[in-house]
Amino acid sequence: MGRLTTLARGAHSDAEAPDTCVIHDERAYAELWARLADAPARPRVDFARETVIAAFSGRKPSGGYSIEILSADPLTTLEREPEGFASQALTSPYHVVRAPSR
């Protein structure tokens, strides 16, 4: 699919289980963004030329966990566990990227 650009990455989403989604339109994009508690303002996406991909690692027992989308085709993610000290709060890491549409 080409080069990926990170739109948002954080530790607080509403995803309780691991999940991925591919977004092709503005309505679904707005719904996705509403799921992200600590995301910045929603960036513009040109859905005529771009696709949005999101990966969620699900509910984690502490801080320090993360997920990263490495490639879009095939969709490949990398999850990391905490190293050293981590906050003792529930988290739900996510990563959202834009990629050129096929």
C-alpha atoms as a PDB file:
ATOM      1  CA  MET A   1       0.000   0.000   0.000  1.00  0.00           C
ATOM      2  CA  GLY A   2       2.932   2.370   0.367  1.00  0.00           C
ATOM      3  CA  ARG A   3       4.184   4.711   3.050  1.00  0.00           C
ATOM      4  CA  LEU A   4       2.333   4.904   6.367  1.00  0.00           C
ATOM      5  CA  THR A   5       1.853   8.151   8.290  1.00  0.00           C
ATOM      6  CA  THR A   6       0.890   8.079  11.967  1.00  0.00           C
ATOM      7  CA  LEU A   7      -2.290  10.044  12.707  1.00  0.00           C
ATOM      8  CA  ALA A   8      -2.553   9.112  16.394  1.00  0.00           C
ATOM      9  CA  ARG A   9      -0.983   6.824  18.939  1.00  0.00           C
ATOM     10  CA  GLY A  10      -2.003   6.516  22.555  1.00  0.00           C
ATOM     11  CA  ALA A  11      -2.882   4.426  25.570  1.00  0.00           C
ATOM     12  CA  HIS A  12      -6.583   5.138  26.072  1.00  0.00           C
ATOM     13  CA  SER A  13      -9.191   3.797  23.666  1.00  0.00           C
ATOM     14  CA  ASP A  14     -12.471   1.983  24.239  1.00  0.00           C
ATOM     15  CA  ALA A  15     -11.131  -1.322  22.830  1.00  0.00           C
ATOM     16  CA  GLU A  16     -11.347  -4.091  25.411  1.00  0.00           C
ATOM     17  CA  ALA A  17     -10.048  -6.789  23.030  1.00  0.00           C
ATOM     18  CA  PRO A  18      -7.395  -6.734  20.303  1.00  0.00           C
ATOM     19  CA  ASP A  19      -8.826  -5.439  17.038  1.00  0.00           C
ATOM     20  CA  THR A  20      -7.925  -3.832  13.723  1.00  0.00           C
ATOM     21  CA  CYS A  21     -10.043  -1.846  11.304  1.00  0.00           C
ATOM     22  CA  VAL A  22      -9.680  -0.315   7.863  1.00  0.00           C
ATOM     23  CA  ILE A  23     -11.571   2.940   7.247  1.00  0.00           C
ATOM     24  CA  HIS A  24     -12.638   4.100   3.767  1.00  0.00           C
ATOM     25  CA  ASP A  25     -15.002   7.004   4.501  1.00  0.00           C
ATOM     26  CA  GLU A  26     -15.465  10.095   6.656  1.00  0.00           C
ATOM     27  CA  ARG A  27     -18.376   8.727   8.727  1.00  0.00           C
ATOM     28  CA  ALA A  28     -16.450   5.639   9.837  1.00  0.00           C
ATOM     29  CA  TYR A  29     -13.384   7.819  10.458  1.00  0.00           C
ATOM     30  CA  ALA A  30     -15.354  10.093  12.818  1.00  0.00           C
ATOM     31  CA  GLU A  31     -16.706   7.010  14.647  1.00  0.00           C
ATOM     32  CA  LEU A  32     -13.165   5.638  14.999  1.00  0.00           C
ATOM     33  CA  TRP A  33     -11.862   8.934  16.389  1.00  0.00           C
ATOM     34  CA  ALA A  34     -14.624   9.003  19.009  1.00  0.00           C
ATOM     35  CA  ARG A  35     -13.169   5.752  20.385  1.00  0.00           C
ATOM     36  CA  LEU A  36      -9.798   7.396  21.177  1.00  0.00           C
ATOM     37  CA  ALA A  37      -9.836   9.144  24.549  1.00  0.00           C
ATOM     38  CA  ASP A  38      -6.401  10.775  24.310  1.00  0.00           C
ATOM     39  CA  ALA A  39      -6.092  11.518  20.584  1.00  0.00           C
ATOM     40  CA  PRO A  40      -5.319  14.959  19.178  1.00  0.00           C
ATOM     41  CA  ALA A  41      -7.749  16.763  16.877  1.00  0.00           C
ATOM     42  CA  ARG A  42      -8.768  14.540  13.968  1.00  0.00           C
ATOM     43  CA  PRO A  43      -6.508  15.185  10.934  1.00  0.00           C
ATOM     44  CA  ARG A  44      -8.003  15.588   7.472  1.00  0.00           C
ATOM     45  CA  VAL A  45      -7.900  12.517   5.255  1.00  0.00           C
ATOM     46  CA  ASP A  46      -8.565  12.463   1.496  1.00  0.00           C
ATOM     47  CA  PHE A  47     -10.523   9.222   1.192  1.00  0.00           C
ATOM     48  CA  ALA A  48     -10.351   9.426  -2.604  1.00  0.00           C
ATOM     49  CA  ARG A  49      -6.609   8.755  -2.277  1.00  0.00           C
ATOM     50  CA  GLU A  50      -6.037   7.487   1.276  1.00  0.00           C
ATOM     51  CA  THR A  51      -7.186   4.785   3.680  1.00  0.00           C
ATOM     52  CA  VAL A  52      -7.055   4.879   7.486  1.00  0.00           C
ATOM     53  CA  ILE A  53      -5.952   1.801   9.423  1.00  0.00           C
ATOM     54  CA  ALA A  54      -6.269   1.360  13.184  1.00  0.00           C
ATOM     55  CA  ALA A  55      -4.879  -1.315  15.490  1.00  0.00           C
ATOM     56  CA  PHE A  56      -5.923  -1.823  19.104  1.00  0.00           C
ATOM     57  CA  SER A  57      -4.115  -4.075  21.574  1.00  0.00           C
ATOM     58  CA  GLY A  58      -7.093  -4.379  23.942  1.00  0.00           C
ATOM     59  CA  ARG A  59      -7.295  -3.760  27.692  1.00  0.00           C
ATOM     60  CA  LYS A  60      -3.950  -3.985  29.522  1.00  0.00           C
ATOM     61  CA  PRO A  61      -3.383  -4.105  33.317  1.00  0.00           C
ATOM     62  CA  SER A  62      -0.893  -1.201  33.427  1.00  0.00           C
ATOM     63  CA  GLY A  63       0.860   1.472  31.417  1.00  0.00           C
ATOM     64  CA  GLY A  64       3.889   0.797  29.259  1.00  0.00           C
ATOM     65  CA  TYR A  65       2.160  -1.361  26.646  1.00  0.00           C
ATOM     66  CA  SER A  66       2.034  -0.203  23.034  1.00  0.00           C
ATOM     67  CA  ILE A  67       1.053  -1.323  19.562  1.00  0.00           C
ATOM     68  CA  GLU A  68       2.518  -0.206  16.235  1.00  0.00           C
ATOM     69  CA  ILE A  69       1.341  -0.814  12.674  1.00  0.00           C
ATOM     70  CA  LEU A  70       4.455  -1.806  10.721  1.00  0.00           C
ATOM     71  CA  SER A  71       2.914  -2.436   7.296  1.00  0.00           C
ATOM     72  CA  ALA A  72      -0.483  -2.253   5.662  1.00  0.00           C
ATOM     73  CA  ASP A  73      -0.290  -5.030   3.055  1.00  0.00           C
ATOM     74  CA  PRO A  74      -0.194  -7.445   4.685  1.00  0.00           C
ATOM     75  CA  LEU A  75      -1.344  -5.756   7.878  1.00  0.00           C
ATOM     76  CA  THR A  76       1.480  -6.312  10.346  1.00  0.00           C
ATOM     77  CA  THR A  77       1.580  -5.000  13.909  1.00  0.00           C
ATOM     78  CA  LEU A  78       4.101  -5.115  16.716  1.00  0.00           C
ATOM     79  CA  GLU A  79       3.048  -5.112  20.366  1.00  0.00           C
ATOM     80  CA  ARG A  80       5.421  -4.144  23.156  1.00  0.00           C
ATOM     81  CA  GLU A  81       5.200  -4.867  26.875  1.00  0.00           C
ATOM     82  CA  PRO A  82       6.351  -2.514  29.634  1.00  0.00           C
ATOM     83  CA  GLU A  83      10.036  -2.240  30.411  1.00  0.00           C
ATOM     84  CA  GLY A  84      10.922  -1.007  33.873  1.00  0.00           C
ATOM     85  CA  PHE A  85       8.422   1.027  35.861  1.00  0.00           C
ATOM     86  CA  ALA A  86       4.884   1.500  34.501  1.00  0.00           C
ATOM     87  CA  SER A  87       1.796   3.313  35.740  1.00  0.00           C
ATOM     88  CA  GLN A  88      -0.654   1.127  37.622  1.00  0.00           C
ATOM     89  CA  ALA A  89      -3.702   2.119  35.599  1.00  0.00           C
ATOM     90  CA  LEU A  90      -5.688   0.205  33.007  1.00  0.00           C
ATOM     91  CA  THR A  91      -4.757   1.127  29.449  1.00  0.00           C
ATOM     92  CA  SER A  92      -5.921   0.212  25.953  1.00  0.00           C
ATOM     93  CA  PRO A  93      -3.181   1.114  23.455  1.00  0.00           C
ATOM     94  CA  TYR A  94      -3.889   2.018  19.834  1.00  0.00           C
ATOM     95  CA  HIS A  95      -2.134   3.177  16.684  1.00  0.00           C
ATOM     96  CA  VAL A  96      -3.874   4.893  13.743  1.00  0.00           C
ATOM     97  CA  VAL A  97      -2.165   5.471  10.391  1.00  0.00           C
ATOM     98  CA  ARG A  98      -3.004   6.728   6.930  1.00  0.00           C
ATOM     99  CA  ALA A  99      -1.853   4.874   3.830  1.00  0.00           C
ATOM    100  CA  PRO A 100      -2.281   5.496   0.118  1.00  0.00           C
ATOM    101  CA  SER A 101      -5.339   3.677  -1.255  1.00  0.00           C
ATOM    102  CA  ARG A 102      -4.784   1.005  -3.833  1.00  0.00           C
END
